[in-house]
Amino acid sequence: MMSDGESKLAQFMNLPVEIITTLDQKYKGRVFSYDDFFLILRKENSKKKNDMYFINMDCISSVSILANEEIPAVNFQMNSEIDFKLIMEREKEDINTSQKRATTVNRFAQELFDAIKKTYQIYWDHDVMKIDILGVQIKSPYDPSCVIGADDKSVNRIKQVVQNVTNKINRS
């Protein structure tokens, strides 16, 4: 259950505001989030999906909600906290579902991964490439003999792909 302060602050989330800093810089956008240290403001009419300003709370001299047909102009003092537990859970989800590059592999391995990714849903599990839909893994040093899996047909297909990509990379 939200406290009175939290419920009042919640009504200002995603509203259009104008921030004026102690250096007289003006920022317009929608309140995305804030805590005791930073205000995160989503830029209005930006071509980028998540184009944001991170503004140090100590540098804010005023915050004004911009009036429109539904919302009267209001000034308010922010003092809520970001739910870091929720952010960490979302970040963990993103990492688990992303196609992140492995940081511990050589350039050849990453080129092989990128080439296979054009055809198959592949991901890194530490330094092992995994194609779950086929039940196949490619381990270091990432040559055809390092392809393992339960289904011989899938393993042979990926071995052929690895050999072809290896030949192509070596010719470059």
C-alpha atoms as a PDB file:
ATOM      1  CA  MET A   1       0.000   0.000   0.000  1.00  0.00           C
ATOM      2  CA  MET A   2       1.281   3.469  -0.890  1.00  0.00           C
ATOM      3  CA  SER A   3       1.730   6.186   1.689  1.00  0.00           C
ATOM      4  CA  ASP A   4       0.056   9.548   1.103  1.00  0.00           C
ATOM      5  CA  GLY A   5       3.344  11.069  -0.062  1.00  0.00           C
ATOM      6  CA  GLU A   6       3.982   8.272  -2.558  1.00  0.00           C
ATOM      7  CA  SER A   7       0.450   8.410  -3.970  1.00  0.00           C
ATOM      8  CA  LYS A   8       0.712  12.192  -4.447  1.00  0.00           C
ATOM      9  CA  LEU A   9       4.067  11.835  -6.191  1.00  0.00           C
ATOM     10  CA  ALA A  10       2.806   8.991  -8.360  1.00  0.00           C
ATOM     11  CA  GLN A  11       0.308  11.350 -10.003  1.00  0.00           C
ATOM     12  CA  PHE A  12       3.200  13.386 -11.459  1.00  0.00           C
ATOM     13  CA  MET A  13       4.882  10.477 -13.204  1.00  0.00           C
ATOM     14  CA  ASN A  14       4.936  10.805 -17.005  1.00  0.00           C
ATOM     15  CA  LEU A  15       3.621  14.380 -16.891  1.00  0.00           C
ATOM     16  CA  PRO A  16       5.143  17.084 -19.079  1.00  0.00           C
ATOM     17  CA  VAL A  17       7.469  19.316 -17.037  1.00  0.00           C
ATOM     18  CA  GLU A  18       9.993  22.059 -17.429  1.00  0.00           C
ATOM     19  CA  ILE A  19      13.126  21.848 -15.275  1.00  0.00           C
ATOM     20  CA  ILE A  20      15.283  24.913 -14.669  1.00  0.00           C
ATOM     21  CA  THR A  21      18.741  24.270 -13.246  1.00  0.00           C
ATOM     22  CA  THR A  22      20.893  26.466 -11.038  1.00  0.00           C
ATOM     23  CA  LEU A  23      22.805  27.377 -14.234  1.00  0.00           C
ATOM     24  CA  ASP A  24      19.544  28.565 -15.859  1.00  0.00           C
ATOM     25  CA  GLN A  25      19.447  25.642 -18.273  1.00  0.00           C
ATOM     26  CA  LYS A  26      15.929  24.582 -19.268  1.00  0.00           C
ATOM     27  CA  TYR A  27      14.888  20.997 -19.943  1.00  0.00           C
ATOM     28  CA  LYS A  28      11.438  19.928 -21.129  1.00  0.00           C
ATOM     29  CA  GLY A  29      10.116  16.413 -21.092  1.00  0.00           C
ATOM     30  CA  ARG A  30       8.096  13.888 -19.127  1.00  0.00           C
ATOM     31  CA  VAL A  31       9.047  12.684 -15.644  1.00  0.00           C
ATOM     32  CA  PHE A  32      10.281   9.124 -16.067  1.00  0.00           C
ATOM     33  CA  SER A  33      11.647   8.532 -12.560  1.00  0.00           C
ATOM     34  CA  TYR A  34      13.485  10.196  -9.706  1.00  0.00           C
ATOM     35  CA  ASP A  35      15.110   9.591  -6.356  1.00  0.00           C
ATOM     36  CA  ASP A  36      17.032  11.684  -3.828  1.00  0.00           C
ATOM     37  CA  PHE A  37      19.921  12.190  -6.267  1.00  0.00           C
ATOM     38  CA  PHE A  38      18.635  12.281  -9.853  1.00  0.00           C
ATOM     39  CA  LEU A  39      15.587  13.137 -11.899  1.00  0.00           C
ATOM     40  CA  ILE A  40      15.175  11.163 -15.108  1.00  0.00           C
ATOM     41  CA  LEU A  41      13.318  13.114 -17.745  1.00  0.00           C
ATOM     42  CA  ARG A  42      12.191  11.563 -21.051  1.00  0.00           C
ATOM     43  CA  LYS A  43      12.684  14.063 -23.870  1.00  0.00           C
ATOM     44  CA  GLU A  44       9.547  15.094 -25.712  1.00  0.00           C
ATOM     45  CA  ASN A  45       9.310  14.609 -29.476  1.00  0.00           C
ATOM     46  CA  SER A  46      12.662  12.847 -29.685  1.00  0.00           C
ATOM     47  CA  LYS A  47      13.390  10.608 -32.665  1.00  0.00           C
ATOM     48  CA  LYS A  48      14.988   8.098 -30.306  1.00  0.00           C
ATOM     49  CA  LYS A  49      12.714   5.812 -28.281  1.00  0.00           C
ATOM     50  CA  ASN A  50      14.359   6.345 -24.892  1.00  0.00           C
ATOM     51  CA  ASP A  51      16.141   9.672 -25.181  1.00  0.00           C
ATOM     52  CA  MET A  52      16.472  10.915 -21.605  1.00  0.00           C
ATOM     53  CA  TYR A  53      18.048  13.558 -19.415  1.00  0.00           C
ATOM     54  CA  PHE A  54      19.595  12.554 -16.082  1.00  0.00           C
ATOM     55  CA  ILE A  55      19.583  15.680 -13.939  1.00  0.00           C
ATOM     56  CA  ASN A  56      21.314  15.956 -10.576  1.00  0.00           C
ATOM     57  CA  MET A  57      18.712  16.927  -7.980  1.00  0.00           C
ATOM     58  CA  ASP A  58      21.166  19.357  -6.347  1.00  0.00           C
ATOM     59  CA  CYS A  59      21.277  21.327  -9.611  1.00  0.00           C
ATOM     60  CA  ILE A  60      17.496  21.796  -9.973  1.00  0.00           C
ATOM     61  CA  SER A  61      16.218  25.220  -9.052  1.00  0.00           C
ATOM     62  CA  SER A  62      12.601  24.696 -10.159  1.00  0.00           C
ATOM     63  CA  VAL A  63      10.216  22.147 -11.611  1.00  0.00           C
ATOM     64  CA  SER A  64       6.981  23.192 -13.264  1.00  0.00           C
ATOM     65  CA  ILE A  65       4.312  20.956 -14.686  1.00  0.00           C
ATOM     66  CA  LEU A  66       3.377  22.268 -18.091  1.00  0.00           C
ATOM     67  CA  ALA A  67      -0.341  22.978 -18.427  1.00  0.00           C
ATOM     68  CA  ASN A  68      -2.456  21.344 -21.052  1.00  0.00           C
ATOM     69  CA  GLU A  69      -6.188  20.698 -21.432  1.00  0.00           C
ATOM     70  CA  GLU A  70      -6.345  17.989 -18.758  1.00  0.00           C
ATOM     71  CA  ILE A  71      -3.617  19.096 -16.352  1.00  0.00           C
ATOM     72  CA  PRO A  72      -3.418  22.447 -14.569  1.00  0.00           C
ATOM     73  CA  ALA A  73       0.072  23.954 -14.064  1.00  0.00           C
ATOM     74  CA  VAL A  74       1.535  22.925 -10.683  1.00  0.00           C
ATOM     75  CA  ASN A  75       4.902  23.131  -8.940  1.00  0.00           C
ATOM     76  CA  PHE A  76       5.968  20.253  -6.732  1.00  0.00           C
ATOM     77  CA  GLN A  77       8.848  19.016  -4.590  1.00  0.00           C
ATOM     78  CA  MET A  78      10.127  15.545  -5.502  1.00  0.00           C
ATOM     79  CA  ASN A  79      11.383  13.118  -2.872  1.00  0.00           C
ATOM     80  CA  SER A  80      10.521   9.596  -3.936  1.00  0.00           C
ATOM     81  CA  GLU A  81      12.841   6.668  -4.497  1.00  0.00           C
ATOM     82  CA  ILE A  82      13.498   4.488  -7.516  1.00  0.00           C
ATOM     83  CA  ASP A  83      12.594   0.835  -6.995  1.00  0.00           C
ATOM     84  CA  PHE A  84      16.075  -0.610  -7.553  1.00  0.00           C
ATOM     85  CA  LYS A  85      14.882  -4.160  -6.867  1.00  0.00           C
ATOM     86  CA  LEU A  86      12.470  -3.904  -9.809  1.00  0.00           C
ATOM     87  CA  ILE A  87      15.184  -2.366 -11.996  1.00  0.00           C
ATOM     88  CA  MET A  88      17.599  -5.180 -11.125  1.00  0.00           C
ATOM     89  CA  GLU A  89      14.944  -7.808 -11.928  1.00  0.00           C
ATOM     90  CA  ARG A  90      14.279  -6.180 -15.309  1.00  0.00           C
ATOM     91  CA  GLU A  91      17.993  -5.942 -16.034  1.00  0.00           C
ATOM     92  CA  LYS A  92      18.448  -9.631 -15.184  1.00  0.00           C
ATOM     93  CA  GLU A  93      15.559 -10.501 -17.530  1.00  0.00           C
ATOM     94  CA  ASP A  94      17.093  -8.394 -20.294  1.00  0.00           C
ATOM     95  CA  ILE A  95      20.463 -10.060 -19.871  1.00  0.00           C
ATOM     96  CA  ASN A  96      18.911 -13.517 -19.940  1.00  0.00           C
ATOM     97  CA  THR A  97      16.937 -12.815 -23.117  1.00  0.00           C
ATOM     98  CA  SER A  98      19.460 -10.690 -24.967  1.00  0.00           C
ATOM     99  CA  GLN A  99      21.855 -11.671 -27.696  1.00  0.00           C
ATOM    100  CA  LYS A 100      24.788 -10.181 -25.812  1.00  0.00           C
ATOM    101  CA  ARG A 101      28.305 -10.494 -27.048  1.00  0.00           C
ATOM    102  CA  ALA A 102      30.651 -12.596 -24.997  1.00  0.00           C
ATOM    103  CA  THR A 103      33.546 -10.609 -23.577  1.00  0.00           C
ATOM    104  CA  THR A 104      35.944 -13.524 -23.108  1.00  0.00           C
ATOM    105  CA  VAL A 105      36.096 -14.869 -26.672  1.00  0.00           C
ATOM    106  CA  ASN A 106      38.366 -14.031 -29.556  1.00  0.00           C
ATOM    107  CA  ARG A 107      37.405 -12.149 -32.675  1.00  0.00           C
ATOM    108  CA  PHE A 108      37.018 -15.317 -34.755  1.00  0.00           C
ATOM    109  CA  ALA A 109      34.504 -16.745 -32.265  1.00  0.00           C
ATOM    110  CA  GLN A 110      32.480 -13.540 -32.294  1.00  0.00           C
ATOM    111  CA  GLU A 111      32.477 -13.429 -36.114  1.00  0.00           C
ATOM    112  CA  LEU A 112      31.305 -17.047 -36.185  1.00  0.00           C
ATOM    113  CA  PHE A 113      28.576 -16.204 -33.657  1.00  0.00           C
ATOM    114  CA  ASP A 114      27.442 -13.182 -35.700  1.00  0.00           C
ATOM    115  CA  ALA A 115      27.285 -15.259 -38.890  1.00  0.00           C
ATOM    116  CA  ILE A 116      25.257 -18.045 -37.268  1.00  0.00           C
ATOM    117  CA  LYS A 117      22.951 -15.478 -35.650  1.00  0.00           C
ATOM    118  CA  LYS A 118      21.753 -14.443 -39.109  1.00  0.00           C
ATOM    119  CA  THR A 119      20.057 -17.844 -39.470  1.00  0.00           C
ATOM    120  CA  TYR A 120      19.534 -19.271 -35.991  1.00  0.00           C
ATOM    121  CA  GLN A 121      18.564 -17.941 -32.571  1.00  0.00           C
ATOM    122  CA  ILE A 122      21.905 -18.285 -30.828  1.00  0.00           C
ATOM    123  CA  TYR A 123      23.220 -16.891 -27.572  1.00  0.00           C
ATOM    124  CA  TRP A 124      26.309 -16.965 -25.416  1.00  0.00           C
ATOM    125  CA  ASP A 125      26.417 -18.953 -22.187  1.00  0.00           C
ATOM    126  CA  HIS A 126      29.783 -17.723 -20.907  1.00  0.00           C
ATOM    127  CA  ASP A 127      32.109 -18.915 -23.708  1.00  0.00           C
ATOM    128  CA  VAL A 128      29.754 -21.537 -25.181  1.00  0.00           C
ATOM    129  CA  MET A 129      27.458 -20.752 -28.111  1.00  0.00           C
ATOM    130  CA  LYS A 130      24.017 -22.313 -27.691  1.00  0.00           C
ATOM    131  CA  ILE A 131      21.255 -22.894 -30.214  1.00  0.00           C
ATOM    132  CA  ASP A 132      18.418 -24.129 -28.010  1.00  0.00           C
ATOM    133  CA  ILE A 133      15.918 -24.738 -30.802  1.00  0.00           C
ATOM    134  CA  LEU A 134      18.284 -27.394 -32.207  1.00  0.00           C
ATOM    135  CA  GLY A 135      19.733 -28.496 -28.881  1.00  0.00           C
ATOM    136  CA  VAL A 136      23.241 -27.747 -30.139  1.00  0.00           C
ATOM    137  CA  GLN A 137      26.286 -26.187 -28.463  1.00  0.00           C
ATOM    138  CA  ILE A 138      29.556 -24.945 -29.941  1.00  0.00           C
ATOM    139  CA  LYS A 139      32.474 -24.948 -27.537  1.00  0.00           C
ATOM    140  CA  SER A 140      35.933 -23.420 -27.798  1.00  0.00           C
ATOM    141  CA  PRO A 141      37.954 -23.454 -30.096  1.00  0.00           C
ATOM    142  CA  TYR A 142      34.768 -23.216 -32.224  1.00  0.00           C
ATOM    143  CA  ASP A 143      35.621 -25.617 -35.032  1.00  0.00           C
ATOM    144  CA  PRO A 144      33.315 -28.328 -36.435  1.00  0.00           C
ATOM    145  CA  SER A 145      34.671 -30.947 -33.997  1.00  0.00           C
ATOM    146  CA  CYS A 146      33.464 -28.759 -31.089  1.00  0.00           C
ATOM    147  CA  VAL A 147      29.784 -28.930 -32.088  1.00  0.00           C
ATOM    148  CA  ILE A 148      27.809 -31.166 -29.721  1.00  0.00           C
ATOM    149  CA  GLY A 149      24.152 -32.064 -29.316  1.00  0.00           C
ATOM    150  CA  ALA A 150      21.677 -34.922 -28.996  1.00  0.00           C
ATOM    151  CA  ASP A 151      20.300 -34.921 -32.552  1.00  0.00           C
ATOM    152  CA  ASP A 152      22.869 -36.048 -35.163  1.00  0.00           C
ATOM    153  CA  LYS A 153      21.027 -34.278 -37.996  1.00  0.00           C
ATOM    154  CA  SER A 154      21.147 -30.909 -36.169  1.00  0.00           C
ATOM    155  CA  VAL A 155      24.763 -31.436 -35.103  1.00  0.00           C
ATOM    156  CA  ASN A 156      25.811 -32.261 -38.677  1.00  0.00           C
ATOM    157  CA  ARG A 157      23.943 -29.209 -40.038  1.00  0.00           C
ATOM    158  CA  ILE A 158      25.653 -26.862 -37.563  1.00  0.00           C
ATOM    159  CA  LYS A 159      29.045 -28.539 -38.212  1.00  0.00           C
ATOM    160  CA  GLN A 160      28.550 -27.772 -41.910  1.00  0.00           C
ATOM    161  CA  VAL A 161      27.611 -24.157 -41.104  1.00  0.00           C
ATOM    162  CA  VAL A 162      30.651 -23.778 -38.807  1.00  0.00           C
ATOM    163  CA  GLN A 163      32.943 -25.192 -41.517  1.00  0.00           C
ATOM    164  CA  ASN A 164      31.508 -22.889 -44.204  1.00  0.00           C
ATOM    165  CA  VAL A 165      31.717 -19.808 -41.971  1.00  0.00           C
ATOM    166  CA  THR A 166      35.242 -20.765 -40.882  1.00  0.00           C
ATOM    167  CA  ASN A 167      36.330 -21.074 -44.531  1.00  0.00           C
ATOM    168  CA  LYS A 168      34.734 -17.729 -45.362  1.00  0.00           C
ATOM    169  CA  ILE A 169      36.400 -15.985 -42.383  1.00  0.00           C
ATOM    170  CA  ASN A 170      39.782 -17.500 -43.224  1.00  0.00           C
ATOM    171  CA  ARG A 171      39.528 -16.266 -46.838  1.00  0.00           C
ATOM    172  CA  SER A 172      38.879 -12.689 -45.705  1.00  0.00           C
END
